[in-house]
Amino acid sequence: MSHVFLKKEFKTTSGKVSNKKFLTIVTRMDVGAIVNTINDHLGQMTVKNKPMDRFFAMEGNNFSLCMNHDIQKFLEEDIILLVFDIFQDNGLGFVFQYDSQSMSQRAMSASITSKEIFIFRRLQ
């Protein structure tokens, strides 16, 4: 059975006031065509009257999208809905969702990583 994970990850670091949010597509399936379709639709979106300038790109074995502040504020839900719709259109059905959180403490700062993972499976 072929599965695809859509991982939404939010990292907060104190001490340097850093917040990063990523969407990552994790799978062993060939989803290049699906990601191209998602990126085509992202290219049609605008953020504060400017063209979208962030797209899913290959990082290691996964496709990842780093969201800046404006994308988080204005388009995050739209992007997730877009990914869900395109997955469904390509025969991937939603199966399950779960959350996790981890914390790391260092001498000068601490970081918290929150993850929300959506699991999809190839429909028969």
N, C-alpha and C. Protein backbone atom coordinates (compact mmCIF):
# COMPACT_ATOMS: atom_id res chain seq x y z
N MET A 1 0.84 -1.18 0.00
CA MET A 1 0.00 0.00 0.00
C MET A 1 0.89 1.25 0.00
N SER A 2 0.55 2.22 -0.82
CA SER A 2 1.35 3.44 -0.94
C SER A 2 0.74 4.56 -0.10
N HIS A 3 1.58 5.16 0.73
CA HIS A 3 1.14 6.25 1.59
C HIS A 3 1.90 7.52 1.29
N VAL A 4 1.24 8.64 1.58
CA VAL A 4 1.85 9.96 1.47
C VAL A 4 1.55 10.70 2.76
N PHE A 5 2.57 11.31 3.36
CA PHE A 5 2.38 12.14 4.54
C PHE A 5 2.50 13.59 4.11
N LEU A 6 1.58 14.42 4.59
CA LEU A 6 1.72 15.87 4.48
C LEU A 6 2.02 16.34 5.90
N LYS A 7 3.25 16.80 6.11
CA LYS A 7 3.69 17.19 7.45
C LYS A 7 3.73 18.72 7.54
N LYS A 8 2.99 19.26 8.51
CA LYS A 8 3.02 20.69 8.80
C LYS A 8 3.86 20.85 10.06
N GLU A 9 4.97 21.55 9.95
CA GLU A 9 5.92 21.66 11.05
C GLU A 9 6.14 23.12 11.40
N PHE A 10 6.09 23.41 12.70
CA PHE A 10 6.26 24.78 13.19
C PHE A 10 7.34 24.77 14.26
N LYS A 11 8.43 25.51 14.01
CA LYS A 11 9.54 25.57 14.95
C LYS A 11 9.62 26.96 15.56
N THR A 12 9.64 27.01 16.89
CA THR A 12 9.77 28.27 17.61
C THR A 12 11.02 28.19 18.46
N THR A 13 11.89 29.20 18.35
CA THR A 13 13.12 29.23 19.12
C THR A 13 13.16 30.52 19.93
N SER A 14 13.31 30.38 21.24
CA SER A 14 13.45 31.57 22.09
C SER A 14 14.91 32.00 22.08
N GLY A 15 15.17 33.19 22.54
CA GLY A 15 16.54 33.69 22.56
C GLY A 15 16.88 34.45 21.30
N LYS A 16 16.42 33.97 20.17
CA LYS A 16 16.63 34.71 18.92
C LYS A 16 15.31 34.98 18.20
N VAL A 17 14.22 34.73 18.87
CA VAL A 17 12.86 34.98 18.37
C VAL A 17 12.72 34.56 16.91
N SER A 18 12.80 33.27 16.72
CA SER A 18 12.73 32.70 15.38
C SER A 18 11.52 31.77 15.29
N ASN A 19 10.71 31.96 14.27
CA ASN A 19 9.58 31.09 14.00
C ASN A 19 9.63 30.66 12.55
N LYS A 20 9.57 29.36 12.31
CA LYS A 20 9.58 28.84 10.94
C LYS A 20 8.45 27.82 10.80
N LYS A 21 7.77 27.88 9.67
CA LYS A 21 6.72 26.91 9.39
C LYS A 21 6.98 26.31 8.02
N PHE A 22 6.88 24.97 7.96
CA PHE A 22 7.13 24.23 6.74
C PHE A 22 5.96 23.30 6.45
N LEU A 23 5.73 23.05 5.17
CA LEU A 23 4.89 21.95 4.73
C LEU A 23 5.80 21.01 3.97
N THR A 24 5.74 19.73 4.29
CA THR A 24 6.60 18.75 3.65
C THR A 24 5.78 17.56 3.18
N ILE A 25 6.02 17.13 1.95
CA ILE A 25 5.39 15.94 1.40
C ILE A 25 6.40 14.80 1.50
N VAL A 26 6.05 13.78 2.29
CA VAL A 26 6.95 12.66 2.57
C VAL A 26 6.32 11.39 2.00
N THR A 27 7.04 10.71 1.11
CA THR A 27 6.53 9.47 0.53
C THR A 27 7.66 8.74 -0.21
N ARG A 28 7.44 7.47 -0.48
CA ARG A 28 8.35 6.73 -1.34
C ARG A 28 7.78 6.60 -2.75
N MET A 29 6.56 7.11 -2.95
CA MET A 29 5.93 7.10 -4.27
C MET A 29 6.54 8.21 -5.13
N ASP A 30 6.38 8.09 -6.44
CA ASP A 30 6.78 9.15 -7.36
C ASP A 30 5.62 10.15 -7.43
N VAL A 31 5.78 11.27 -6.75
CA VAL A 31 4.72 12.29 -6.72
C VAL A 31 5.15 13.57 -7.45
N GLY A 32 6.17 13.46 -8.28
CA GLY A 32 6.66 14.64 -9.01
C GLY A 32 5.59 15.35 -9.81
N ALA A 33 4.75 14.60 -10.51
CA ALA A 33 3.68 15.21 -11.32
C ALA A 33 2.65 15.89 -10.43
N ILE A 34 2.35 15.28 -9.29
CA ILE A 34 1.39 15.88 -8.35
C ILE A 34 1.96 17.18 -7.80
N VAL A 35 3.23 17.17 -7.42
CA VAL A 35 3.87 18.38 -6.89
C VAL A 35 3.92 19.47 -7.96
N ASN A 36 4.17 19.11 -9.20
CA ASN A 36 4.16 20.10 -10.29
C ASN A 36 2.79 20.74 -10.42
N THR A 37 1.73 19.94 -10.29
CA THR A 37 0.37 20.48 -10.35
C THR A 37 0.12 21.44 -9.18
N ILE A 38 0.55 21.04 -7.99
CA ILE A 38 0.41 21.93 -6.82
C ILE A 38 1.16 23.23 -7.06
N ASN A 39 2.40 23.14 -7.54
CA ASN A 39 3.20 24.35 -7.78
C ASN A 39 2.58 25.24 -8.85
N ASP A 40 1.97 24.64 -9.88
CA ASP A 40 1.28 25.43 -10.91
C ASP A 40 0.16 26.25 -10.28
N HIS A 41 -0.60 25.63 -9.38
CA HIS A 41 -1.69 26.35 -8.70
C HIS A 41 -1.14 27.40 -7.73
N LEU A 42 -0.05 27.08 -7.04
CA LEU A 42 0.57 28.07 -6.15
C LEU A 42 1.01 29.30 -6.94
N GLY A 43 1.50 29.08 -8.15
CA GLY A 43 1.94 30.19 -9.00
C GLY A 43 0.83 31.14 -9.40
N GLN A 44 -0.42 30.69 -9.27
CA GLN A 44 -1.57 31.54 -9.59
C GLN A 44 -2.06 32.32 -8.37
N MET A 45 -1.53 32.01 -7.19
CA MET A 45 -1.95 32.71 -5.97
C MET A 45 -1.18 34.01 -5.80
N THR A 46 -1.76 34.93 -5.07
CA THR A 46 -1.09 36.18 -4.75
C THR A 46 -1.09 36.39 -3.24
N VAL A 47 -0.03 37.05 -2.77
CA VAL A 47 0.11 37.39 -1.36
C VAL A 47 0.27 38.90 -1.28
N LYS A 48 -0.72 39.58 -0.69
CA LYS A 48 -0.70 41.04 -0.59
C LYS A 48 -0.45 41.68 -1.96
N ASN A 49 -1.21 41.22 -2.96
CA ASN A 49 -1.17 41.72 -4.34
C ASN A 49 0.17 41.48 -5.04
N LYS A 50 0.95 40.54 -4.55
CA LYS A 50 2.21 40.16 -5.20
C LYS A 50 2.12 38.68 -5.56
N PRO A 51 2.76 38.27 -6.66
CA PRO A 51 2.74 36.85 -7.03
C PRO A 51 3.38 35.98 -5.96
N MET A 52 2.84 34.80 -5.80
CA MET A 52 3.40 33.83 -4.86
C MET A 52 4.83 33.51 -5.27
N ASP A 53 5.76 33.54 -4.32
CA ASP A 53 7.16 33.30 -4.66
C ASP A 53 7.75 32.09 -3.94
N ARG A 54 6.89 31.29 -3.30
CA ARG A 54 7.35 30.08 -2.60
C ARG A 54 6.67 28.87 -3.22
N PHE A 55 7.46 27.81 -3.45
CA PHE A 55 6.94 26.60 -4.07
C PHE A 55 7.53 25.37 -3.38
N PHE A 56 6.89 24.23 -3.58
CA PHE A 56 7.46 22.98 -3.08
C PHE A 56 8.70 22.66 -3.89
N ALA A 57 9.80 22.37 -3.19
CA ALA A 57 11.06 22.03 -3.85
C ALA A 57 11.64 20.80 -3.17
N MET A 58 12.41 20.04 -3.92
CA MET A 58 13.02 18.83 -3.40
C MET A 58 14.08 19.19 -2.37
N GLU A 59 13.95 18.61 -1.19
CA GLU A 59 14.96 18.74 -0.13
C GLU A 59 15.23 17.33 0.38
N GLY A 60 16.39 16.80 0.07
CA GLY A 60 16.67 15.40 0.40
C GLY A 60 15.77 14.51 -0.43
N ASN A 61 14.96 13.69 0.22
CA ASN A 61 14.04 12.80 -0.49
C ASN A 61 12.60 13.31 -0.46
N ASN A 62 12.39 14.50 0.06
CA ASN A 62 11.04 15.04 0.24
C ASN A 62 10.86 16.37 -0.48
N PHE A 63 9.61 16.74 -0.68
CA PHE A 63 9.29 18.06 -1.22
C PHE A 63 8.88 18.95 -0.06
N SER A 64 9.46 20.16 0.01
CA SER A 64 9.21 21.02 1.15
C SER A 64 8.89 22.45 0.69
N LEU A 65 8.02 23.10 1.45
CA LEU A 65 7.63 24.49 1.21
C LEU A 65 7.84 25.25 2.51
N CYS A 66 8.73 26.23 2.51
CA CYS A 66 8.96 27.08 3.68
C CYS A 66 8.04 28.30 3.55
N MET A 67 7.19 28.50 4.56
CA MET A 67 6.22 29.60 4.50
C MET A 67 6.74 30.80 5.27
N ASN A 68 6.79 31.96 4.60
CA ASN A 68 7.15 33.18 5.31
C ASN A 68 5.93 33.70 6.08
N HIS A 69 6.10 34.81 6.77
CA HIS A 69 5.04 35.35 7.63
C HIS A 69 3.76 35.65 6.85
N ASP A 70 3.89 36.30 5.70
CA ASP A 70 2.69 36.67 4.93
C ASP A 70 1.95 35.45 4.42
N ILE A 71 2.67 34.42 3.99
CA ILE A 71 2.01 33.20 3.52
C ILE A 71 1.29 32.53 4.69
N GLN A 72 1.94 32.48 5.86
CA GLN A 72 1.29 31.90 7.04
C GLN A 72 0.01 32.66 7.37
N LYS A 73 0.08 33.96 7.31
CA LYS A 73 -1.04 34.81 7.72
C LYS A 73 -2.20 34.78 6.74
N PHE A 74 -1.91 34.80 5.44
CA PHE A 74 -2.96 34.97 4.44
C PHE A 74 -3.31 33.72 3.63
N LEU A 75 -2.39 32.75 3.50
CA LEU A 75 -2.62 31.65 2.56
C LEU A 75 -2.46 30.25 3.12
N GLU A 76 -2.07 30.09 4.37
CA GLU A 76 -1.76 28.75 4.87
C GLU A 76 -2.92 27.78 4.68
N GLU A 77 -4.12 28.15 5.08
CA GLU A 77 -5.26 27.25 4.95
C GLU A 77 -5.60 26.98 3.49
N ASP A 78 -5.46 28.00 2.64
CA ASP A 78 -5.72 27.83 1.21
C ASP A 78 -4.75 26.82 0.60
N ILE A 79 -3.49 26.88 1.01
CA ILE A 79 -2.49 25.96 0.47
C ILE A 79 -2.78 24.53 0.92
N ILE A 80 -3.12 24.36 2.19
CA ILE A 80 -3.43 23.02 2.68
C ILE A 80 -4.66 22.46 1.97
N LEU A 81 -5.69 23.27 1.79
CA LEU A 81 -6.87 22.83 1.05
C LEU A 81 -6.52 22.47 -0.39
N LEU A 82 -5.67 23.26 -1.02
CA LEU A 82 -5.22 22.98 -2.39
C LEU A 82 -4.53 21.62 -2.46
N VAL A 83 -3.62 21.35 -1.52
CA VAL A 83 -2.91 20.08 -1.50
C VAL A 83 -3.89 18.92 -1.30
N PHE A 84 -4.82 19.07 -0.34
CA PHE A 84 -5.82 18.02 -0.12
C PHE A 84 -6.61 17.74 -1.40
N ASP A 85 -7.08 18.80 -2.06
CA ASP A 85 -7.87 18.64 -3.28
C ASP A 85 -7.08 17.95 -4.39
N ILE A 86 -5.83 18.37 -4.59
CA ILE A 86 -5.02 17.78 -5.66
C ILE A 86 -4.66 16.33 -5.33
N PHE A 87 -4.39 16.04 -4.08
CA PHE A 87 -4.17 14.64 -3.69
C PHE A 87 -5.41 13.80 -4.02
N GLN A 88 -6.59 14.30 -3.64
CA GLN A 88 -7.84 13.57 -3.90
C GLN A 88 -8.04 13.38 -5.40
N ASP A 89 -7.80 14.44 -6.19
CA ASP A 89 -7.96 14.35 -7.64
C ASP A 89 -7.01 13.32 -8.26
N ASN A 90 -5.90 13.05 -7.57
CA ASN A 90 -4.91 12.09 -8.07
C ASN A 90 -4.98 10.73 -7.37
N GLY A 91 -6.13 10.44 -6.77
CA GLY A 91 -6.37 9.12 -6.22
C GLY A 91 -5.78 8.86 -4.85
N LEU A 92 -5.47 9.92 -4.10
CA LEU A 92 -4.95 9.76 -2.74
C LEU A 92 -6.04 10.18 -1.76
N GLY A 93 -6.49 9.26 -0.94
CA GLY A 93 -7.55 9.54 0.02
C GLY A 93 -6.99 9.79 1.41
N PHE A 94 -7.61 10.72 2.13
CA PHE A 94 -7.21 11.04 3.49
C PHE A 94 -7.53 9.87 4.41
N VAL A 95 -6.58 9.49 5.28
CA VAL A 95 -6.75 8.36 6.17
C VAL A 95 -6.79 8.79 7.63
N PHE A 96 -5.82 9.60 8.06
CA PHE A 96 -5.66 9.87 9.48
C PHE A 96 -4.83 11.13 9.67
N GLN A 97 -4.99 11.76 10.83
CA GLN A 97 -4.22 12.95 11.19
C GLN A 97 -3.76 12.81 12.63
N TYR A 98 -2.53 13.21 12.92
CA TYR A 98 -2.09 13.23 14.31
C TYR A 98 -1.11 14.38 14.54
N ASP A 99 -0.99 14.76 15.82
CA ASP A 99 -0.13 15.86 16.24
C ASP A 99 0.98 15.33 17.13
N SER A 100 2.11 16.04 17.14
CA SER A 100 3.17 15.75 18.09
C SER A 100 3.89 17.05 18.41
N GLN A 101 4.57 17.05 19.56
CA GLN A 101 5.32 18.23 19.96
C GLN A 101 6.57 17.78 20.70
N SER A 102 7.70 18.43 20.41
CA SER A 102 8.94 18.12 21.11
C SER A 102 9.61 19.42 21.53
N MET A 103 10.42 19.32 22.58
CA MET A 103 11.10 20.51 23.10
C MET A 103 12.56 20.20 23.30
N SER A 104 13.40 21.21 23.03
CA SER A 104 14.84 21.09 23.21
C SER A 104 15.30 22.29 24.03
N GLN A 105 16.11 22.04 25.06
CA GLN A 105 16.59 23.11 25.94
C GLN A 105 18.11 23.21 25.83
N ARG A 106 18.60 24.42 25.59
CA ARG A 106 20.04 24.68 25.58
C ARG A 106 20.32 25.81 26.55
N ALA A 107 21.59 26.10 26.76
CA ALA A 107 21.99 27.11 27.75
C ALA A 107 21.35 28.47 27.49
N MET A 108 21.34 28.91 26.25
CA MET A 108 20.87 30.27 25.94
C MET A 108 19.49 30.32 25.30
N SER A 109 18.96 29.18 24.90
CA SER A 109 17.66 29.21 24.23
C SER A 109 16.96 27.86 24.35
N ALA A 110 15.71 27.88 23.98
CA ALA A 110 14.91 26.66 23.94
C ALA A 110 14.15 26.66 22.62
N SER A 111 13.84 25.47 22.14
CA SER A 111 13.04 25.40 20.91
C SER A 111 11.91 24.40 21.10
N ILE A 112 10.81 24.71 20.47
CA ILE A 112 9.64 23.82 20.48
C ILE A 112 9.29 23.55 19.03
N THR A 113 9.11 22.27 18.71
CA THR A 113 8.70 21.87 17.37
C THR A 113 7.35 21.19 17.45
N SER A 114 6.38 21.77 16.78
CA SER A 114 5.04 21.17 16.71
C SER A 114 4.85 20.60 15.31
N LYS A 115 4.30 19.39 15.24
CA LYS A 115 4.05 18.75 13.95
C LYS A 115 2.61 18.29 13.88
N GLU A 116 2.03 18.51 12.74
CA GLU A 116 0.71 17.97 12.43
C GLU A 116 0.90 17.16 11.15
N ILE A 117 0.56 15.89 11.20
CA ILE A 117 0.81 15.01 10.06
C ILE A 117 -0.51 14.45 9.54
N PHE A 118 -0.73 14.63 8.24
CA PHE A 118 -1.91 14.12 7.56
C PHE A 118 -1.45 12.93 6.71
N ILE A 119 -2.11 11.81 6.86
CA ILE A 119 -1.72 10.60 6.14
C ILE A 119 -2.75 10.32 5.04
N PHE A 120 -2.23 10.09 3.83
CA PHE A 120 -3.06 9.78 2.67
C PHE A 120 -2.63 8.42 2.14
N ARG A 121 -3.58 7.73 1.51
CA ARG A 121 -3.31 6.40 0.95
C ARG A 121 -3.89 6.35 -0.46
N ARG A 122 -3.17 5.65 -1.32
CA ARG A 122 -3.63 5.46 -2.70
C ARG A 122 -4.97 4.72 -2.67
N LEU A 123 -5.98 5.30 -3.29
CA LEU A 123 -7.30 4.65 -3.37
C LEU A 123 -7.27 3.57 -4.41
N GLN A 124 -7.97 2.46 -4.17
CA GLN A 124 -8.00 1.34 -5.10
C GLN A 124 -8.91 1.63 -6.27
